């Protein structure tokens, strides 16, 4: 198994979905304020946890699509952190995809560095742990938002988004292609 190739395959799948949604909706997510984006991520992660516990979906979609959504919304979060929110869609599809690619690559590079240091420990973890770690990261983001970003020692919102993306990629890898 080659983690880099698996990561890249998941990110390519996510980008394809992101591009299709950009076609259908444009960059409508530009309107999301930070707290709304955090809540969107939160409901995706809570649904994963609920499905893990209940072992049944009444909507018909499973856990893996929610991990894919977390990846894409995590990248949207990084874009929004950089650009701020807008009252209208203010970027082109091309600009949105360019920003997506930049942050997807940054997530890949971070994963490579961490994977080196942690020696592929993620492979021995349970998928449910990724879910719990993602929910923890979201709680941290909420706290940082409530503090108006005035943290003392935290890595900040962007670092938490990166970790959410990486944990969600690991979950998607473990759940198969």
N, C-alpha and C. Protein backbone atom coordinates (compact mmCIF):
# COMPACT_ATOMS: atom_id res chain seq x y z
N UNK A 1 0.84 -1.18 0.00
CA UNK A 1 0.00 0.00 0.00
C UNK A 1 0.88 1.24 0.00
N UNK A 2 0.53 2.19 -0.82
CA UNK A 2 1.28 3.43 -0.94
C UNK A 2 0.38 4.58 -0.49
N UNK A 3 0.63 5.08 0.70
CA UNK A 3 -0.22 6.12 1.28
C UNK A 3 -0.32 7.33 0.37
N UNK A 4 0.79 7.77 -0.20
CA UNK A 4 0.75 8.95 -1.07
C UNK A 4 -0.19 8.75 -2.24
N UNK A 5 -0.10 7.59 -2.89
CA UNK A 5 -0.98 7.31 -4.04
C UNK A 5 -2.43 7.19 -3.61
N UNK A 6 -2.67 6.54 -2.48
CA UNK A 6 -4.03 6.42 -1.98
C UNK A 6 -4.61 7.80 -1.64
N UNK A 7 -3.81 8.63 -0.98
CA UNK A 7 -4.23 9.98 -0.64
C UNK A 7 -4.55 10.76 -1.91
N UNK A 8 -3.66 10.68 -2.89
CA UNK A 8 -3.88 11.40 -4.15
C UNK A 8 -5.13 10.91 -4.86
N UNK A 9 -5.42 9.61 -4.80
CA UNK A 9 -6.62 9.07 -5.44
C UNK A 9 -7.88 9.60 -4.78
N UNK A 10 -7.89 9.65 -3.46
CA UNK A 10 -9.04 10.20 -2.74
C UNK A 10 -9.21 11.68 -3.07
N UNK A 11 -8.10 12.42 -3.09
CA UNK A 11 -8.19 13.84 -3.39
C UNK A 11 -8.66 14.08 -4.82
N UNK A 12 -8.28 13.22 -5.74
CA UNK A 12 -8.76 13.36 -7.13
C UNK A 12 -10.28 13.12 -7.18
N UNK A 13 -10.74 12.13 -6.44
CA UNK A 13 -12.19 11.87 -6.36
C UNK A 13 -12.92 13.09 -5.78
N UNK A 14 -12.36 13.66 -4.72
CA UNK A 14 -12.96 14.82 -4.08
C UNK A 14 -12.97 16.02 -5.02
N UNK A 15 -11.88 16.23 -5.71
CA UNK A 15 -11.80 17.36 -6.63
C UNK A 15 -12.82 17.22 -7.75
N UNK A 16 -12.98 16.01 -8.27
CA UNK A 16 -13.96 15.78 -9.33
C UNK A 16 -15.37 16.15 -8.85
N UNK A 17 -15.72 15.73 -7.64
CA UNK A 17 -17.03 16.07 -7.08
C UNK A 17 -17.14 17.57 -6.86
N UNK A 18 -16.08 18.18 -6.33
CA UNK A 18 -16.06 19.63 -6.10
C UNK A 18 -16.29 20.38 -7.41
N UNK A 19 -15.61 19.97 -8.48
CA UNK A 19 -15.75 20.62 -9.79
C UNK A 19 -17.18 20.47 -10.32
N UNK A 20 -17.76 19.30 -10.14
CA UNK A 20 -19.14 19.09 -10.60
C UNK A 20 -20.12 19.96 -9.82
N UNK A 21 -19.89 20.09 -8.52
CA UNK A 21 -20.77 20.95 -7.72
C UNK A 21 -20.56 22.42 -8.07
N UNK A 22 -19.32 22.80 -8.40
CA UNK A 22 -19.08 24.17 -8.86
C UNK A 22 -19.87 24.43 -10.14
N UNK A 23 -19.92 23.46 -11.02
CA UNK A 23 -20.70 23.60 -12.25
C UNK A 23 -22.17 23.82 -11.93
N UNK A 24 -22.70 23.01 -10.99
CA UNK A 24 -24.12 23.07 -10.67
C UNK A 24 -24.51 24.29 -9.85
N UNK A 25 -23.66 24.66 -8.87
CA UNK A 25 -24.03 25.70 -7.91
C UNK A 25 -23.15 26.93 -7.93
N UNK A 26 -22.07 26.91 -8.71
CA UNK A 26 -21.08 27.97 -8.59
C UNK A 26 -20.42 27.89 -7.22
N UNK A 27 -19.72 28.93 -6.86
CA UNK A 27 -19.04 28.96 -5.56
C UNK A 27 -19.97 29.55 -4.50
N UNK A 28 -21.19 28.99 -4.42
CA UNK A 28 -22.20 29.50 -3.48
C UNK A 28 -21.71 29.46 -2.03
N UNK A 29 -20.78 28.58 -1.73
CA UNK A 29 -20.21 28.47 -0.38
C UNK A 29 -19.45 29.72 0.04
N UNK A 30 -19.14 30.61 -0.89
CA UNK A 30 -18.44 31.86 -0.53
C UNK A 30 -19.26 32.69 0.46
N UNK A 31 -20.56 32.45 0.51
CA UNK A 31 -21.45 33.20 1.38
C UNK A 31 -21.37 32.73 2.83
N UNK A 32 -20.87 31.54 3.05
CA UNK A 32 -20.82 30.97 4.40
C UNK A 32 -19.88 31.75 5.32
N UNK A 33 -20.43 32.17 6.45
CA UNK A 33 -19.59 32.76 7.49
C UNK A 33 -18.87 31.62 8.22
N UNK A 34 -17.79 31.93 8.94
CA UNK A 34 -17.03 30.86 9.60
C UNK A 34 -17.88 29.94 10.47
N UNK A 35 -18.77 30.51 11.27
CA UNK A 35 -19.57 29.68 12.17
C UNK A 35 -20.51 28.75 11.40
N UNK A 36 -21.04 29.21 10.29
CA UNK A 36 -21.93 28.36 9.48
C UNK A 36 -21.15 27.22 8.83
N UNK A 37 -19.96 27.51 8.38
CA UNK A 37 -19.11 26.46 7.79
C UNK A 37 -18.74 25.43 8.85
N UNK A 38 -18.40 25.90 10.04
CA UNK A 38 -18.09 24.99 11.14
C UNK A 38 -19.29 24.10 11.44
N UNK A 39 -20.48 24.67 11.46
CA UNK A 39 -21.68 23.88 11.72
C UNK A 39 -21.94 22.88 10.60
N UNK A 40 -21.66 23.23 9.36
CA UNK A 40 -21.81 22.29 8.25
C UNK A 40 -20.87 21.10 8.41
N UNK A 41 -19.64 21.38 8.74
CA UNK A 41 -18.68 20.31 9.02
C UNK A 41 -19.15 19.46 10.21
N UNK A 42 -19.67 20.13 11.22
CA UNK A 42 -20.12 19.44 12.43
C UNK A 42 -21.25 18.45 12.11
N UNK A 43 -22.22 18.87 11.31
CA UNK A 43 -23.34 17.95 11.04
C UNK A 43 -22.87 16.75 10.21
N UNK A 44 -21.89 16.95 9.35
CA UNK A 44 -21.35 15.81 8.59
C UNK A 44 -20.65 14.84 9.54
N UNK A 45 -19.82 15.35 10.43
CA UNK A 45 -19.10 14.49 11.37
C UNK A 45 -20.06 13.81 12.35
N UNK A 46 -21.07 14.54 12.82
CA UNK A 46 -22.05 13.94 13.73
C UNK A 46 -22.83 12.84 13.03
N UNK A 47 -23.12 13.01 11.74
CA UNK A 47 -23.83 11.96 11.01
C UNK A 47 -22.96 10.70 10.91
N UNK A 48 -21.67 10.89 10.66
CA UNK A 48 -20.77 9.73 10.63
C UNK A 48 -20.82 9.00 11.96
N UNK A 49 -20.69 9.75 13.04
CA UNK A 49 -20.69 9.13 14.37
C UNK A 49 -22.01 8.41 14.64
N UNK A 50 -23.10 9.04 14.26
CA UNK A 50 -24.41 8.43 14.44
C UNK A 50 -24.52 7.11 13.66
N UNK A 51 -24.04 7.12 12.42
CA UNK A 51 -24.09 5.89 11.62
C UNK A 51 -23.16 4.81 12.18
N UNK A 52 -22.03 5.23 12.71
CA UNK A 52 -21.11 4.26 13.33
C UNK A 52 -21.77 3.59 14.53
N UNK A 53 -22.52 4.35 15.29
CA UNK A 53 -23.15 3.83 16.50
C UNK A 53 -24.41 3.02 16.16
N UNK A 54 -25.25 3.57 15.29
CA UNK A 54 -26.53 2.93 14.98
C UNK A 54 -26.40 1.79 13.97
N UNK A 55 -25.33 1.81 13.17
CA UNK A 55 -25.09 0.77 12.16
C UNK A 55 -26.18 0.72 11.09
N UNK A 56 -26.92 1.81 10.92
CA UNK A 56 -28.00 1.83 9.94
C UNK A 56 -28.22 3.26 9.45
N UNK A 57 -28.43 3.40 8.13
CA UNK A 57 -28.76 4.69 7.54
C UNK A 57 -30.17 4.63 6.99
N UNK A 58 -31.00 5.56 7.38
CA UNK A 58 -32.36 5.62 6.86
C UNK A 58 -32.44 6.54 5.65
N UNK A 59 -31.36 7.23 5.33
CA UNK A 59 -31.33 8.13 4.17
C UNK A 59 -30.72 7.43 2.96
N UNK A 60 -29.98 6.36 3.21
CA UNK A 60 -29.43 5.59 2.10
C UNK A 60 -27.97 5.89 1.78
N UNK A 61 -27.44 6.97 2.29
CA UNK A 61 -26.03 7.27 2.06
C UNK A 61 -25.24 6.81 3.27
N UNK A 62 -24.07 6.27 3.00
CA UNK A 62 -23.24 5.74 4.07
C UNK A 62 -22.25 6.74 4.61
N UNK A 63 -21.25 6.21 5.27
CA UNK A 63 -20.24 7.01 5.96
C UNK A 63 -19.24 7.61 4.98
N UNK A 64 -18.81 6.85 4.01
CA UNK A 64 -17.75 7.32 3.11
C UNK A 64 -18.09 8.64 2.42
N UNK A 65 -19.32 8.81 1.88
CA UNK A 65 -19.63 10.11 1.27
C UNK A 65 -19.53 11.29 2.24
N UNK A 66 -19.76 11.03 3.51
CA UNK A 66 -19.63 12.10 4.49
C UNK A 66 -18.16 12.47 4.72
N UNK A 67 -17.28 11.47 4.69
CA UNK A 67 -15.84 11.78 4.76
C UNK A 67 -15.42 12.61 3.55
N UNK A 68 -15.93 12.27 2.38
CA UNK A 68 -15.63 13.05 1.17
C UNK A 68 -16.12 14.49 1.34
N UNK A 69 -17.33 14.65 1.88
CA UNK A 69 -17.85 15.99 2.13
C UNK A 69 -16.98 16.76 3.13
N UNK A 70 -16.51 16.07 4.17
CA UNK A 70 -15.63 16.72 5.14
C UNK A 70 -14.34 17.22 4.48
N UNK A 71 -13.81 16.44 3.58
CA UNK A 71 -12.60 16.86 2.86
C UNK A 71 -12.88 18.13 2.08
N UNK A 72 -13.95 18.11 1.30
CA UNK A 72 -14.25 19.28 0.47
C UNK A 72 -14.63 20.50 1.29
N UNK A 73 -15.42 20.32 2.32
CA UNK A 73 -15.74 21.46 3.19
C UNK A 73 -14.52 21.93 3.97
N UNK A 74 -13.60 21.02 4.30
CA UNK A 74 -12.36 21.43 4.95
C UNK A 74 -11.55 22.35 4.05
N UNK A 75 -11.50 22.01 2.77
CA UNK A 75 -10.78 22.87 1.83
C UNK A 75 -11.52 24.19 1.65
N UNK A 76 -12.85 24.15 1.60
CA UNK A 76 -13.63 25.39 1.56
C UNK A 76 -13.29 26.24 2.80
N UNK A 77 -13.16 25.60 3.95
CA UNK A 77 -12.80 26.34 5.16
C UNK A 77 -11.47 27.04 5.04
N UNK A 78 -10.50 26.38 4.44
CA UNK A 78 -9.19 27.01 4.24
C UNK A 78 -9.29 28.19 3.28
N UNK A 79 -10.09 28.03 2.24
CA UNK A 79 -10.30 29.13 1.29
C UNK A 79 -10.97 30.30 2.00
N UNK A 80 -12.01 29.99 2.77
CA UNK A 80 -12.73 31.05 3.47
C UNK A 80 -11.85 31.75 4.50
N UNK A 81 -10.97 30.98 5.15
CA UNK A 81 -10.05 31.58 6.11
C UNK A 81 -9.14 32.59 5.40
N UNK A 82 -8.69 32.23 4.22
CA UNK A 82 -7.82 33.14 3.45
C UNK A 82 -8.58 34.35 2.93
N UNK A 83 -9.74 34.13 2.33
CA UNK A 83 -10.43 35.19 1.60
C UNK A 83 -11.51 35.90 2.41
N UNK A 84 -11.94 35.29 3.52
CA UNK A 84 -13.10 35.83 4.23
C UNK A 84 -14.36 35.43 3.49
N UNK A 85 -15.51 35.66 4.12
CA UNK A 85 -16.77 35.33 3.46
C UNK A 85 -17.22 36.52 2.62
N UNK A 86 -18.17 36.28 1.73
CA UNK A 86 -18.66 37.31 0.83
C UNK A 86 -20.18 37.34 0.88
N UNK A 87 -20.76 38.43 0.42
CA UNK A 87 -22.22 38.53 0.34
C UNK A 87 -22.77 37.93 -0.94
N UNK A 88 -21.90 37.78 -1.91
CA UNK A 88 -22.28 37.17 -3.19
C UNK A 88 -21.13 36.29 -3.66
N UNK A 89 -21.39 35.49 -4.65
CA UNK A 89 -20.32 34.68 -5.24
C UNK A 89 -19.38 35.63 -5.96
N UNK A 90 -18.13 35.64 -5.52
CA UNK A 90 -17.18 36.63 -6.02
C UNK A 90 -15.93 36.03 -6.64
N UNK A 91 -15.95 34.71 -6.91
CA UNK A 91 -14.82 34.08 -7.59
C UNK A 91 -15.32 33.20 -8.71
N UNK A 92 -14.47 33.03 -9.69
CA UNK A 92 -14.82 32.19 -10.83
C UNK A 92 -14.59 30.72 -10.49
N UNK A 93 -15.13 29.88 -11.32
CA UNK A 93 -14.89 28.44 -11.18
C UNK A 93 -13.40 28.16 -11.25
N UNK A 94 -12.72 28.81 -12.18
CA UNK A 94 -11.28 28.60 -12.35
C UNK A 94 -10.50 29.00 -11.09
N UNK A 95 -10.84 30.14 -10.50
CA UNK A 95 -10.16 30.57 -9.29
C UNK A 95 -10.45 29.61 -8.13
N UNK A 96 -11.71 29.18 -8.02
CA UNK A 96 -12.08 28.23 -6.97
C UNK A 96 -11.29 26.94 -7.11
N UNK A 97 -11.16 26.43 -8.32
CA UNK A 97 -10.41 25.19 -8.54
C UNK A 97 -8.92 25.38 -8.27
N UNK A 98 -8.40 26.54 -8.63
CA UNK A 98 -7.00 26.82 -8.36
C UNK A 98 -6.72 26.85 -6.85
N UNK A 99 -7.60 27.51 -6.10
CA UNK A 99 -7.47 27.54 -4.64
C UNK A 99 -7.64 26.13 -4.06
N UNK A 100 -8.58 25.38 -4.59
CA UNK A 100 -8.80 24.00 -4.15
C UNK A 100 -7.51 23.20 -4.33
N UNK A 101 -6.93 23.30 -5.52
CA UNK A 101 -5.72 22.54 -5.80
C UNK A 101 -4.57 22.91 -4.87
N UNK A 102 -4.45 24.20 -4.59
CA UNK A 102 -3.38 24.65 -3.71
C UNK A 102 -3.53 24.06 -2.31
N UNK A 103 -4.75 24.12 -1.77
CA UNK A 103 -4.96 23.60 -0.42
C UNK A 103 -4.94 22.07 -0.38
N UNK A 104 -5.39 21.42 -1.42
CA UNK A 104 -5.30 19.96 -1.48
C UNK A 104 -3.84 19.53 -1.47
N UNK A 105 -3.01 20.26 -2.20
CA UNK A 105 -1.57 19.96 -2.21
C UNK A 105 -0.94 20.23 -0.85
N UNK A 106 -1.33 21.31 -0.19
CA UNK A 106 -0.81 21.60 1.14
C UNK A 106 -1.20 20.50 2.12
N UNK A 107 -2.43 19.98 2.01
CA UNK A 107 -2.86 18.88 2.88
C UNK A 107 -2.03 17.63 2.61
N UNK A 108 -1.76 17.34 1.35
CA UNK A 108 -0.93 16.19 0.98
C UNK A 108 0.47 16.33 1.56
N UNK A 109 1.06 17.49 1.43
CA UNK A 109 2.41 17.71 1.94
C UNK A 109 2.46 17.60 3.46
N UNK A 110 1.45 18.12 4.14
CA UNK A 110 1.37 17.98 5.60
C UNK A 110 1.25 16.51 5.98
N UNK A 111 0.39 15.77 5.27
CA UNK A 111 0.23 14.35 5.56
C UNK A 111 1.56 13.62 5.38
N UNK A 112 2.31 13.93 4.34
CA UNK A 112 3.60 13.27 4.11
C UNK A 112 4.55 13.52 5.28
N UNK A 113 4.62 14.76 5.75
CA UNK A 113 5.51 15.08 6.87
C UNK A 113 5.07 14.34 8.15
N UNK A 114 3.78 14.39 8.43
CA UNK A 114 3.28 13.74 9.64
C UNK A 114 3.40 12.22 9.52
N UNK A 115 3.12 11.69 8.34
CA UNK A 115 3.19 10.25 8.15
C UNK A 115 4.62 9.75 8.35
N UNK A 116 5.58 10.56 7.96
CA UNK A 116 6.99 10.22 8.21
C UNK A 116 7.25 10.12 9.70
N UNK A 117 6.81 11.16 10.43
CA UNK A 117 7.09 11.20 11.86
C UNK A 117 6.30 10.16 12.65
N UNK A 118 5.07 9.90 12.24
CA UNK A 118 4.21 8.97 12.97
C UNK A 118 4.27 7.55 12.40
N UNK A 119 5.04 7.35 11.34
CA UNK A 119 5.30 6.02 10.78
C UNK A 119 4.02 5.24 10.46
N UNK A 120 3.11 5.90 9.74
CA UNK A 120 1.89 5.23 9.25
C UNK A 120 0.99 4.73 10.39
N UNK A 121 1.04 5.37 11.54
CA UNK A 121 0.21 4.93 12.67
C UNK A 121 -1.27 4.94 12.33
N UNK A 122 -1.70 5.79 11.41
CA UNK A 122 -3.10 5.89 11.06
C UNK A 122 -3.66 4.56 10.56
N UNK A 123 -2.81 3.74 9.97
CA UNK A 123 -3.29 2.45 9.43
C UNK A 123 -3.77 1.51 10.54
N UNK A 124 -3.23 1.64 11.73
CA UNK A 124 -3.61 0.77 12.85
C UNK A 124 -4.79 1.34 13.65
N UNK A 125 -5.23 2.52 13.28
CA UNK A 125 -6.33 3.16 14.01
C UNK A 125 -7.68 2.69 13.48
N UNK A 126 -8.69 2.85 14.30
CA UNK A 126 -10.07 2.57 13.91
C UNK A 126 -10.65 3.79 13.20
N UNK A 127 -11.54 3.55 12.25
CA UNK A 127 -12.20 4.66 11.55
C UNK A 127 -12.97 5.52 12.55
N UNK A 128 -13.55 4.90 13.56
CA UNK A 128 -14.30 5.67 14.55
C UNK A 128 -13.41 6.67 15.30
N UNK A 129 -12.14 6.36 15.41
CA UNK A 129 -11.22 7.32 16.04
C UNK A 129 -11.04 8.56 15.17
N UNK A 130 -10.98 8.37 13.85
CA UNK A 130 -10.90 9.54 12.96
C UNK A 130 -12.11 10.43 13.18
N UNK A 131 -13.28 9.81 13.30
CA UNK A 131 -14.50 10.57 13.53
C UNK A 131 -14.40 11.38 14.81
N UNK A 132 -13.97 10.73 15.88
CA UNK A 132 -13.85 11.43 17.16
C UNK A 132 -12.81 12.54 17.11
N UNK A 133 -11.71 12.30 16.43
CA UNK A 133 -10.69 13.34 16.29
C UNK A 133 -11.22 14.53 15.48
N UNK A 134 -11.99 14.24 14.44
CA UNK A 134 -12.59 15.31 13.64
C UNK A 134 -13.56 16.13 14.49
N UNK A 135 -14.38 15.44 15.27
CA UNK A 135 -15.31 16.17 16.15
C UNK A 135 -14.55 17.01 17.18
N UNK A 136 -13.44 16.49 17.68
CA UNK A 136 -12.61 17.25 18.61
C UNK A 136 -12.05 18.50 17.93
N UNK A 137 -11.55 18.34 16.71
CA UNK A 137 -11.02 19.49 15.96
C UNK A 137 -12.12 20.53 15.73
N UNK A 138 -13.33 20.08 15.45
CA UNK A 138 -14.44 21.02 15.25
C UNK A 138 -14.79 21.75 16.53
N UNK A 139 -14.73 21.06 17.65
CA UNK A 139 -14.96 21.73 18.93
C UNK A 139 -13.89 22.79 19.16
N UNK A 140 -12.66 22.47 18.83
CA UNK A 140 -11.58 23.45 18.96
C UNK A 140 -11.83 24.67 18.07
N UNK A 141 -12.27 24.42 16.84
CA UNK A 141 -12.57 25.53 15.93
C UNK A 141 -13.67 26.40 16.52
N UNK A 142 -14.71 25.78 17.07
CA UNK A 142 -15.79 26.56 17.70
C UNK A 142 -15.24 27.44 18.81
N UNK A 143 -14.36 26.87 19.64
CA UNK A 143 -13.77 27.64 20.73
C UNK A 143 -12.95 28.81 20.20
N UNK A 144 -12.17 28.56 19.16
CA UNK A 144 -11.35 29.62 18.57
C UNK A 144 -12.24 30.71 17.98
N UNK A 145 -13.32 30.31 17.33
CA UNK A 145 -14.27 31.29 16.78
C UNK A 145 -14.89 32.11 17.91
N UNK A 146 -15.27 31.43 19.00
CA UNK A 146 -15.85 32.14 20.13
C UNK A 146 -14.87 33.11 20.77
N UNK A 147 -13.57 32.81 20.67
CA UNK A 147 -12.54 33.70 21.19
C UNK A 147 -12.16 34.80 20.19
N UNK A 148 -12.83 34.81 19.07
CA UNK A 148 -12.49 35.80 18.03
C UNK A 148 -11.10 35.58 17.47
N UNK A 149 -10.61 34.35 17.54
CA UNK A 149 -9.29 34.02 17.02
C UNK A 149 -8.14 34.35 17.96
N UNK A 150 -8.45 34.93 19.12
CA UNK A 150 -7.40 35.34 20.07
C UNK A 150 -6.96 34.16 20.93
N UNK A 151 -6.14 33.29 20.36
CA UNK A 151 -5.65 32.12 21.08
C UNK A 151 -4.29 32.42 21.72
N UNK A 152 -3.92 31.61 22.68
CA UNK A 152 -2.63 31.76 23.34
C UNK A 152 -1.58 30.81 22.79
N UNK A 153 -1.94 29.55 22.57
CA UNK A 153 -0.96 28.58 22.12
C UNK A 153 -1.46 27.68 20.98
N UNK A 154 -2.66 27.90 20.52
CA UNK A 154 -3.28 27.03 19.52
C UNK A 154 -2.67 27.23 18.15
N UNK A 155 -2.75 26.15 17.34
CA UNK A 155 -2.27 26.23 15.97
C UNK A 155 -3.21 27.04 15.09
N UNK A 156 -4.41 27.33 15.53
CA UNK A 156 -5.35 28.12 14.78
C UNK A 156 -6.33 27.28 13.98
N UNK A 157 -7.29 27.97 13.40
CA UNK A 157 -8.35 27.31 12.65
C UNK A 157 -7.81 26.56 11.44
N UNK A 158 -6.87 27.16 10.73
CA UNK A 158 -6.38 26.52 9.50
C UNK A 158 -5.71 25.18 9.78
N UNK A 159 -4.95 25.08 10.86
CA UNK A 159 -4.33 23.81 11.22
C UNK A 159 -5.36 22.74 11.55
N UNK A 160 -6.44 23.15 12.19
CA UNK A 160 -7.52 22.21 12.49
C UNK A 160 -8.23 21.76 11.22
N UNK A 161 -8.43 22.66 10.27
CA UNK A 161 -9.01 22.26 8.97
C UNK A 161 -8.12 21.24 8.27
N UNK A 162 -6.83 21.48 8.31
CA UNK A 162 -5.89 20.55 7.67
C UNK A 162 -5.98 19.16 8.32
N UNK A 163 -6.05 19.13 9.64
CA UNK A 163 -6.16 17.85 10.32
C UNK A 163 -7.48 17.15 9.99
N UNK A 164 -8.57 17.90 9.90
CA UNK A 164 -9.86 17.33 9.52
C UNK A 164 -9.77 16.71 8.14
N UNK A 165 -9.17 17.42 7.21
CA UNK A 165 -9.01 16.89 5.85
C UNK A 165 -8.23 15.58 5.89
N UNK A 166 -7.11 15.58 6.59
CA UNK A 166 -6.27 14.39 6.61
C UNK A 166 -6.95 13.20 7.29
N UNK A 167 -7.62 13.42 8.42
CA UNK A 167 -8.34 12.32 9.06
C UNK A 167 -9.46 11.80 8.16
N UNK A 168 -10.15 12.71 7.48
CA UNK A 168 -11.24 12.29 6.58
C UNK A 168 -10.69 11.50 5.39
N UNK A 169 -9.52 11.89 4.88
CA UNK A 169 -8.89 11.11 3.80
C UNK A 169 -8.57 9.71 4.31
N UNK A 170 -8.01 9.61 5.49
CA UNK A 170 -7.69 8.30 6.05
C UNK A 170 -8.96 7.46 6.19
N UNK A 171 -10.05 8.08 6.64
CA UNK A 171 -11.31 7.36 6.75
C UNK A 171 -11.80 6.87 5.40
N UNK A 172 -11.72 7.72 4.40
CA UNK A 172 -12.16 7.33 3.05
C UNK A 172 -11.28 6.22 2.49
N UNK A 173 -9.99 6.29 2.74
CA UNK A 173 -9.08 5.22 2.28
C UNK A 173 -9.48 3.90 2.93
N UNK A 174 -9.65 3.93 4.24
CA UNK A 174 -9.97 2.69 4.96
C UNK A 174 -11.31 2.10 4.54
N UNK A 175 -12.25 2.95 4.13
CA UNK A 175 -13.57 2.47 3.74
C UNK A 175 -13.61 2.03 2.28
N UNK A 176 -12.50 2.19 1.57
CA UNK A 176 -12.40 1.66 0.21
C UNK A 176 -12.74 2.66 -0.88
N UNK A 177 -12.39 2.25 -2.08
CA UNK A 177 -12.56 3.14 -3.24
C UNK A 177 -13.86 2.90 -3.93
